[in-house]
PDB file of N, CA and C in Angstrom:
ATOM      1  N   MET A   1     -49.791  -6.469  31.894  1.00  0.00           N
ATOM      2  CA  MET A   1     -50.833  -5.487  31.683  1.00  0.00           C
ATOM      3  C   MET A   1     -52.143  -6.014  32.282  1.00  0.00           C
ATOM      4  N   LYS A   2     -52.859  -5.144  32.987  1.00  0.00           N
ATOM      5  CA  LYS A   2     -54.121  -5.533  33.612  1.00  0.00           C
ATOM      6  C   LYS A   2     -55.198  -5.709  32.541  1.00  0.00           C
ATOM      7  N   PRO A   3     -56.191  -6.565  32.813  1.00  0.00           N
ATOM      8  CA  PRO A   3     -57.280  -6.739  31.852  1.00  0.00           C
ATOM      9  C   PRO A   3     -58.119  -5.466  31.752  1.00  0.00           C
ATOM     10  N   PHE A   4     -58.801  -5.333  30.642  1.00  0.00           N
ATOM     11  CA  PHE A   4     -59.662  -4.175  30.428  1.00  0.00           C
ATOM     12  C   PHE A   4     -60.918  -4.287  31.282  1.00  0.00           C
ATOM     13  N   ASP A   5     -61.422  -3.126  31.697  1.00  0.00           N
ATOM     14  CA  ASP A   5     -62.642  -3.034  32.482  1.00  0.00           C
ATOM     15  C   ASP A   5     -63.282  -1.716  32.083  1.00  0.00           C
ATOM     16  N   ASN A   6     -64.538  -1.734  31.684  1.00  0.00           N
ATOM     17  CA  ASN A   6     -65.187  -0.527  31.172  1.00  0.00           C
ATOM     18  C   ASN A   6     -65.269   0.614  32.172  1.00  0.00           C
ATOM     19  N   VAL A   7     -65.158   0.323  33.460  1.00  0.00           N
ATOM     20  CA  VAL A   7     -65.228   1.372  34.473  1.00  0.00           C
ATOM     21  C   VAL A   7     -63.842   1.864  34.861  1.00  0.00           C
ATOM     22  N   THR A   8     -62.944   0.965  35.204  1.00  0.00           N
ATOM     23  CA  THR A   8     -61.645   1.378  35.742  1.00  0.00           C
ATOM     24  C   THR A   8     -60.504   1.338  34.741  1.00  0.00           C
ATOM     25  N   LYS A   9     -60.653   0.627  33.656  1.00  0.00           N
ATOM     26  CA  LYS A   9     -59.564   0.494  32.690  1.00  0.00           C
ATOM     27  C   LYS A   9     -60.121   0.233  31.288  1.00  0.00           C
ATOM     28  N   PRO A  10     -60.877   1.200  30.725  1.00  0.00           N
ATOM     29  CA  PRO A  10     -61.468   0.975  29.411  1.00  0.00           C
ATOM     30  C   PRO A  10     -60.396   0.849  28.321  1.00  0.00           C
ATOM     31  N   LYS A  11     -60.645  -0.031  27.394  1.00  0.00           N
ATOM     32  CA  LYS A  11     -59.682  -0.317  26.326  1.00  0.00           C
ATOM     33  C   LYS A  11     -59.341   0.933  25.514  1.00  0.00           C
ATOM     34  N   HIS A  12     -60.331   1.794  25.248  1.00  0.00           N
ATOM     35  CA  HIS A  12     -60.090   2.961  24.398  1.00  0.00           C
ATOM     36  C   HIS A  12     -59.260   4.043  25.100  1.00  0.00           C
ATOM     37  N   TYR A  13     -58.921   3.866  26.385  1.00  0.00           N
ATOM     38  CA  TYR A  13     -58.049   4.805  27.093  1.00  0.00           C
ATOM     39  C   TYR A  13     -56.693   4.198  27.423  1.00  0.00           C
ATOM     40  N   GLN A  14     -56.434   3.016  26.894  1.00  0.00           N
ATOM     41  CA  GLN A  14     -55.173   2.333  27.183  1.00  0.00           C
ATOM     42  C   GLN A  14     -54.445   2.053  25.874  1.00  0.00           C
ATOM     43  N   GLY A  15     -53.167   2.417  25.829  1.00  0.00           N
ATOM     44  CA  GLY A  15     -52.362   2.208  24.634  1.00  0.00           C
ATOM     45  C   GLY A  15     -51.879   0.778  24.482  1.00  0.00           C
ATOM     46  N   LYS A  16     -51.210   0.544  23.398  1.00  0.00           N
ATOM     47  CA  LYS A  16     -50.712  -0.787  23.031  1.00  0.00           C
ATOM     48  C   LYS A  16     -49.861  -1.429  24.127  1.00  0.00           C
ATOM     49  N   TYR A  17     -49.060  -0.616  24.824  1.00  0.00           N
ATOM     50  CA  TYR A  17     -48.155  -1.143  25.846  1.00  0.00           C
ATOM     51  C   TYR A  17     -48.631  -0.862  27.267  1.00  0.00           C
ATOM     52  N   GLY A  18     -49.916  -0.526  27.419  1.00  0.00           N
ATOM     53  CA  GLY A  18     -50.497  -0.356  28.740  1.00  0.00           C
ATOM     54  C   GLY A  18     -50.533   1.067  29.270  1.00  0.00           C
ATOM     55  N   LEU A  19     -49.897   2.008  28.580  1.00  0.00           N
ATOM     56  CA  LEU A  19     -49.922   3.399  29.022  1.00  0.00           C
ATOM     57  C   LEU A  19     -51.341   3.941  28.869  1.00  0.00           C
ATOM     58  N   GLU A  20     -51.817   4.621  29.907  1.00  0.00           N
ATOM     59  CA  GLU A  20     -53.172   5.155  29.877  1.00  0.00           C
ATOM     60  C   GLU A  20     -53.172   6.656  29.632  1.00  0.00           C
ATOM     61  N   VAL A  21     -54.287   7.139  29.097  1.00  0.00           N
ATOM     62  CA  VAL A  21     -54.442   8.565  28.813  1.00  0.00           C
ATOM     63  C   VAL A  21     -54.142   9.398  30.053  1.00  0.00           C
ATOM     64  N   ILE A  22     -54.646   8.995  31.200  1.00  0.00           N
ATOM     65  CA  ILE A  22     -54.454   9.768  32.429  1.00  0.00           C
ATOM     66  C   ILE A  22     -52.974   9.911  32.761  1.00  0.00           C
ATOM     67  N   ASP A  23     -52.177   8.884  32.464  1.00  0.00           N
ATOM     68  CA  ASP A  23     -50.735   8.954  32.719  1.00  0.00           C
ATOM     69  C   ASP A  23     -50.062   9.975  31.809  1.00  0.00           C
ATOM     70  N   VAL A  24     -50.483  10.025  30.557  1.00  0.00           N
ATOM     71  CA  VAL A  24     -49.937  11.004  29.612  1.00  0.00           C
ATOM     72  C   VAL A  24     -50.280  12.411  30.084  1.00  0.00           C
ATOM     73  N   VAL A  25     -51.535  12.625  30.437  1.00  0.00           N
ATOM     74  CA  VAL A  25     -51.978  13.952  30.874  1.00  0.00           C
ATOM     75  C   VAL A  25     -51.233  14.382  32.133  1.00  0.00           C
ATOM     76  N   ARG A  26     -51.127  13.507  33.102  1.00  0.00           N
ATOM     77  CA  ARG A  26     -50.413  13.854  34.345  1.00  0.00           C
ATOM     78  C   ARG A  26     -48.963  14.232  34.063  1.00  0.00           C
ATOM     79  N   ASN A  27     -48.362  13.584  33.082  1.00  0.00           N
ATOM     80  CA  ASN A  27     -46.973  13.847  32.729  1.00  0.00           C
ATOM     81  C   ASN A  27     -46.781  15.200  32.059  1.00  0.00           C
ATOM     82  N   PHE A  28     -47.773  15.654  31.296  1.00  0.00           N
ATOM     83  CA  PHE A  28     -47.592  16.831  30.460  1.00  0.00           C
ATOM     84  C   PHE A  28     -48.455  18.034  30.815  1.00  0.00           C
ATOM     85  N   ILE A  29     -49.312  17.953  31.813  1.00  0.00           N
ATOM     86  CA  ILE A  29     -50.248  19.043  32.091  1.00  0.00           C
ATOM     87  C   ILE A  29     -49.554  20.312  32.591  1.00  0.00           C
ATOM     88  N   GLY A  30     -48.380  20.166  33.170  1.00  0.00           N
ATOM     89  CA  GLY A  30     -47.616  21.338  33.597  1.00  0.00           C
ATOM     90  C   GLY A  30     -48.349  22.184  34.610  1.00  0.00           C
ATOM     91  N   ASN A  31     -48.404  23.493  34.364  1.00  0.00           N
ATOM     92  CA  ASN A  31     -49.016  24.447  35.299  1.00  0.00           C
ATOM     93  C   ASN A  31     -50.464  24.789  34.965  1.00  0.00           C
ATOM     94  N   LEU A  32     -51.074  24.086  34.039  1.00  0.00           N
ATOM     95  CA  LEU A  32     -52.456  24.394  33.678  1.00  0.00           C
ATOM     96  C   LEU A  32     -53.388  24.066  34.838  1.00  0.00           C
ATOM     97  N   ARG A  33     -54.361  24.930  35.053  1.00  0.00           N
ATOM     98  CA  ARG A  33     -55.339  24.741  36.125  1.00  0.00           C
ATOM     99  C   ARG A  33     -56.737  25.060  35.598  1.00  0.00           C
ATOM    100  N   GLY A  34     -57.731  24.621  36.318  1.00  0.00           N
ATOM    101  CA  GLY A  34     -59.116  24.951  35.994  1.00  0.00           C
ATOM    102  C   GLY A  34     -59.528  24.523  34.599  1.00  0.00           C
ATOM    103  N   MET A  35     -60.193  25.416  33.884  1.00  0.00           N
ATOM    104  CA  MET A  35     -60.705  25.095  32.557  1.00  0.00           C
ATOM    105  C   MET A  35     -59.584  24.816  31.566  1.00  0.00           C
ATOM    106  N   GLN A  36     -58.441  25.489  31.707  1.00  0.00           N
ATOM    107  CA  GLN A  36     -57.324  25.203  30.804  1.00  0.00           C
ATOM    108  C   GLN A  36     -56.892  23.749  30.948  1.00  0.00           C
ATOM    109  N   ALA A  37     -56.830  23.257  32.164  1.00  0.00           N
ATOM    110  CA  ALA A  37     -56.472  21.855  32.402  1.00  0.00           C
ATOM    111  C   ALA A  37     -57.532  20.928  31.806  1.00  0.00           C
ATOM    112  N   ALA A  38     -58.795  21.294  31.945  1.00  0.00           N
ATOM    113  CA  ALA A  38     -59.881  20.475  31.391  1.00  0.00           C
ATOM    114  C   ALA A  38     -59.802  20.420  29.871  1.00  0.00           C
ATOM    115  N   TYR A  39     -59.582  21.572  29.239  1.00  0.00           N
ATOM    116  CA  TYR A  39     -59.462  21.601  27.778  1.00  0.00           C
ATOM    117  C   TYR A  39     -58.273  20.768  27.315  1.00  0.00           C
ATOM    118  N   PHE A  40     -57.146  20.884  28.007  1.00  0.00           N
ATOM    119  CA  PHE A  40     -55.950  20.113  27.665  1.00  0.00           C
ATOM    120  C   PHE A  40     -56.234  18.618  27.794  1.00  0.00           C
ATOM    121  N   PHE A  41     -56.802  18.225  28.929  1.00  0.00           N
ATOM    122  CA  PHE A  41     -57.119  16.815  29.162  1.00  0.00           C
ATOM    123  C   PHE A  41     -58.019  16.271  28.062  1.00  0.00           C
ATOM    124  N   ASN A  42     -59.088  16.994  27.767  1.00  0.00           N
ATOM    125  CA  ASN A  42     -60.031  16.520  26.755  1.00  0.00           C
ATOM    126  C   ASN A  42     -59.391  16.430  25.377  1.00  0.00           C
ATOM    127  N   THR A  43     -58.569  17.409  25.025  1.00  0.00           N
ATOM    128  CA  THR A  43     -57.882  17.377  23.731  1.00  0.00           C
ATOM    129  C   THR A  43     -57.038  16.120  23.607  1.00  0.00           C
ATOM    130  N   VAL A  44     -56.214  15.862  24.602  1.00  0.00           N
ATOM    131  CA  VAL A  44     -55.340  14.681  24.588  1.00  0.00           C
ATOM    132  C   VAL A  44     -56.174  13.402  24.574  1.00  0.00           C
ATOM    133  N   LYS A  45     -57.189  13.351  25.417  1.00  0.00           N
ATOM    134  CA  LYS A  45     -58.054  12.165  25.521  1.00  0.00           C
ATOM    135  C   LYS A  45     -58.674  11.817  24.171  1.00  0.00           C
ATOM    136  N   TYR A  46     -59.267  12.804  23.519  1.00  0.00           N
ATOM    137  CA  TYR A  46     -59.944  12.533  22.250  1.00  0.00           C
ATOM    138  C   TYR A  46     -58.966  12.134  21.151  1.00  0.00           C
ATOM    139  N   ILE A  47     -57.800  12.754  21.121  1.00  0.00           N
ATOM    140  CA  ILE A  47     -56.806  12.392  20.108  1.00  0.00           C
ATOM    141  C   ILE A  47     -56.312  10.962  20.318  1.00  0.00           C
ATOM    142  N   LEU A  48     -56.047  10.598  21.559  1.00  0.00           N
ATOM    143  CA  LEU A  48     -55.494   9.274  21.823  1.00  0.00           C
ATOM    144  C   LEU A  48     -56.503   8.139  21.646  1.00  0.00           C
ATOM    145  N   ARG A  49     -57.780   8.416  21.796  1.00  0.00           N
ATOM    146  CA  ARG A  49     -58.762   7.330  21.707  1.00  0.00           C
ATOM    147  C   ARG A  49     -59.486   7.243  20.370  1.00  0.00           C
ATOM    148  N   PHE A  50     -59.309   8.215  19.477  1.00  0.00           N
ATOM    149  CA  PHE A  50     -60.159   8.293  18.290  1.00  0.00           C
ATOM    150  C   PHE A  50     -60.160   7.016  17.442  1.00  0.00           C
ATOM    151  N   GLN A  51     -59.044   6.314  17.384  1.00  0.00           N
ATOM    152  CA  GLN A  51     -58.974   5.104  16.547  1.00  0.00           C
ATOM    153  C   GLN A  51     -59.798   3.950  17.113  1.00  0.00           C
ATOM    154  N   TRP A  52     -60.068   3.970  18.419  1.00  0.00           N
ATOM    155  CA  TRP A  52     -60.760   2.858  19.063  1.00  0.00           C
ATOM    156  C   TRP A  52     -62.170   3.189  19.519  1.00  0.00           C
ATOM    157  N   LYS A  53     -62.568   4.455  19.406  1.00  0.00           N
ATOM    158  CA  LYS A  53     -63.901   4.773  19.910  1.00  0.00           C
ATOM    159  C   LYS A  53     -64.756   5.445  18.837  1.00  0.00           C
ATOM    160  N   ASN A  54     -64.620   6.746  18.622  1.00  0.00           N
ATOM    161  CA  ASN A  54     -65.562   7.465  17.763  1.00  0.00           C
ATOM    162  C   ASN A  54     -64.964   8.076  16.501  1.00  0.00           C
ATOM    163  N   GLY A  55     -63.759   7.692  16.129  1.00  0.00           N
ATOM    164  CA  GLY A  55     -63.171   8.144  14.872  1.00  0.00           C
ATOM    165  C   GLY A  55     -63.117   9.656  14.720  1.00  0.00           C
ATOM    166  N   VAL A  56     -63.562  10.126  13.563  1.00  0.00           N
ATOM    167  CA  VAL A  56     -63.494  11.548  13.225  1.00  0.00           C
ATOM    168  C   VAL A  56     -64.251  12.403  14.239  1.00  0.00           C
ATOM    169  N   GLU A  57     -65.325  11.885  14.783  1.00  0.00           N
ATOM    170  CA  GLU A  57     -66.082  12.639  15.796  1.00  0.00           C
ATOM    171  C   GLU A  57     -65.184  13.016  16.974  1.00  0.00           C
ATOM    172  N   ASP A  58     -64.358  12.083  17.422  1.00  0.00           N
ATOM    173  CA  ASP A  58     -63.435  12.383  18.520  1.00  0.00           C
ATOM    174  C   ASP A  58     -62.396  13.417  18.104  1.00  0.00           C
ATOM    175  N   LEU A  59     -61.936  13.360  16.866  1.00  0.00           N
ATOM    176  CA  LEU A  59     -60.972  14.367  16.400  1.00  0.00           C
ATOM    177  C   LEU A  59     -61.608  15.754  16.367  1.00  0.00           C
ATOM    178  N   LYS A  60     -62.867  15.817  16.004  1.00  0.00           N
ATOM    179  CA  LYS A  60     -63.576  17.106  16.015  1.00  0.00           C
ATOM    180  C   LYS A  60     -63.746  17.619  17.443  1.00  0.00           C
ATOM    181  N   LYS A  61     -64.007  16.707  18.378  1.00  0.00           N
ATOM    182  CA  LYS A  61     -64.100  17.100  19.786  1.00  0.00           C
ATOM    183  C   LYS A  61     -62.750  17.616  20.278  1.00  0.00           C
ATOM    184  N   ALA A  62     -61.676  16.951  19.868  1.00  0.00           N
ATOM    185  CA  ALA A  62     -60.330  17.403  20.240  1.00  0.00           C
ATOM    186  C   ALA A  62     -60.070  18.791  19.674  1.00  0.00           C
ATOM    187  N   GLN A  63     -60.443  18.989  18.430  1.00  0.00           N
ATOM    188  CA  GLN A  63     -60.256  20.283  17.774  1.00  0.00           C
ATOM    189  C   GLN A  63     -61.015  21.383  18.517  1.00  0.00           C
ATOM    190  N   GLN A  64     -62.246  21.091  18.925  1.00  0.00           N
ATOM    191  CA  GLN A  64     -63.057  22.065  19.662  1.00  0.00           C
ATOM    192  C   GLN A  64     -62.404  22.418  20.994  1.00  0.00           C
ATOM    193  N   ASN A  65     -61.959  21.413  21.735  1.00  0.00           N
ATOM    194  CA  ASN A  65     -61.322  21.658  23.027  1.00  0.00           C
ATOM    195  C   ASN A  65     -60.005  22.398  22.872  1.00  0.00           C
ATOM    196  N   LEU A  66     -59.242  22.078  21.841  1.00  0.00           N
ATOM    197  CA  LEU A  66     -57.995  22.796  21.589  1.00  0.00           C
ATOM    198  C   LEU A  66     -58.288  24.255  21.266  1.00  0.00           C
ATOM    199  N   GLY A  67     -59.333  24.500  20.500  1.00  0.00           N
ATOM    200  CA  GLY A  67     -59.740  25.874  20.201  1.00  0.00           C
ATOM    201  C   GLY A  67     -60.078  26.649  21.463  1.00  0.00           C
ATOM    202  N   TRP A  68     -60.820  26.013  22.363  1.00  0.00           N
ATOM    203  CA  TRP A  68     -61.165  26.670  23.628  1.00  0.00           C
ATOM    204  C   TRP A  68     -59.920  26.950  24.465  1.00  0.00           C
ATOM    205  N   LEU A  69     -58.982  26.012  24.470  1.00  0.00           N
ATOM    206  CA  LEU A  69     -57.739  26.209  25.221  1.00  0.00           C
ATOM    207  C   LEU A  69     -56.967  27.394  24.658  1.00  0.00           C
ATOM    208  N   ILE A  70     -56.857  27.460  23.349  1.00  0.00           N
ATOM    209  CA  ILE A  70     -56.143  28.571  22.709  1.00  0.00           C
ATOM    210  C   ILE A  70     -56.827  29.892  23.031  1.00  0.00           C
ATOM    211  N   GLU A  71     -58.149  29.942  22.906  1.00  0.00           N
ATOM    212  CA  GLU A  71     -58.893  31.169  23.227  1.00  0.00           C
ATOM    213  C   GLU A  71     -58.638  31.607  24.663  1.00  0.00           C
ATOM    214  N   ASP A  72     -58.703  30.675  25.585  1.00  0.00           N
ATOM    215  CA  ASP A  72     -58.504  30.992  26.998  1.00  0.00           C
ATOM    216  C   ASP A  72     -57.094  31.524  27.243  1.00  0.00           C
ATOM    217  N   LEU A  73     -56.104  30.871  26.651  1.00  0.00           N
ATOM    218  CA  LEU A  73     -54.715  31.320  26.820  1.00  0.00           C
ATOM    219  C   LEU A  73     -54.501  32.701  26.208  1.00  0.00           C
ATOM    220  N   GLU A  74     -55.094  32.938  25.040  1.00  0.00           N
ATOM    221  CA  GLU A  74     -54.969  34.251  24.399  1.00  0.00           C
ATOM    222  C   GLU A  74     -55.634  35.340  25.232  1.00  0.00           C
ATOM    223  N   GLU A  75     -56.802  35.043  25.803  1.00  0.00           N
ATOM    224  CA  GLU A  75     -57.485  36.017  26.660  1.00  0.00           C
ATOM    225  C   GLU A  75     -56.637  36.366  27.873  1.00  0.00           C
ATOM    226  N   LYS A  76     -56.016  35.368  28.469  1.00  0.00           N
ATOM    227  CA  LYS A  76     -55.160  35.608  29.640  1.00  0.00           C
ATOM    228  C   LYS A  76     -53.961  36.472  29.256  1.00  0.00           C
ATOM    229  N   CYS A  77     -53.391  36.233  28.075  1.00  0.00           N
ATOM    230  CA  CYS A  77     -52.249  37.035  27.608  1.00  0.00           C
ATOM    231  C   CYS A  77     -52.667  38.479  27.363  1.00  0.00           C
ATOM    232  N   GLU A  78     -53.861  38.676  26.793  1.00  0.00           N
ATOM    233  CA  GLU A  78     -54.354  40.022  26.521  1.00  0.00           C
ATOM    234  C   GLU A  78     -54.579  40.796  27.815  1.00  0.00           C
ATOM    235  N   LYS A  79     -55.048  40.122  28.852  1.00  0.00           N
ATOM    236  CA  LYS A  79     -55.290  40.780  30.136  1.00  0.00           C
ATOM    237  C   LYS A  79     -53.991  41.221  30.795  1.00  0.00           C
ATOM    238  N   LYS A  80     -52.895  40.496  30.514  1.00  0.00           N
ATOM    239  CA  LYS A  80     -51.595  40.858  31.084  1.00  0.00           C
ATOM    240  C   LYS A  80     -51.011  42.090  30.404  1.00  0.00           C
ATOM    241  N   ASP A  81     -51.349  42.279  29.129  1.00  0.00           N
ATOM    242  CA  ASP A  81     -50.785  43.414  28.363  1.00  0.00           C
ATOM    243  C   ASP A  81     -51.364  44.737  28.741  1.00  0.00           C
TER     244      ASP A  81
END
């Protein structure tokens, strides 16, 4: 595992076995684009780092981003109907 670096490899974005948040997001982002992709990324990022960075504040940020993602997806579904 590479050493931590606040710019290229911050500790709060790297898991116990070296897996990074960006790797998780790239694996699971699927077909999301634009703001939906941003909301998804932020939700995952805040959930995965909350124990090492900002605690409950990060969980609230994740909750907010997840809410925005849900709203956006629901709006897109309504436009299709």
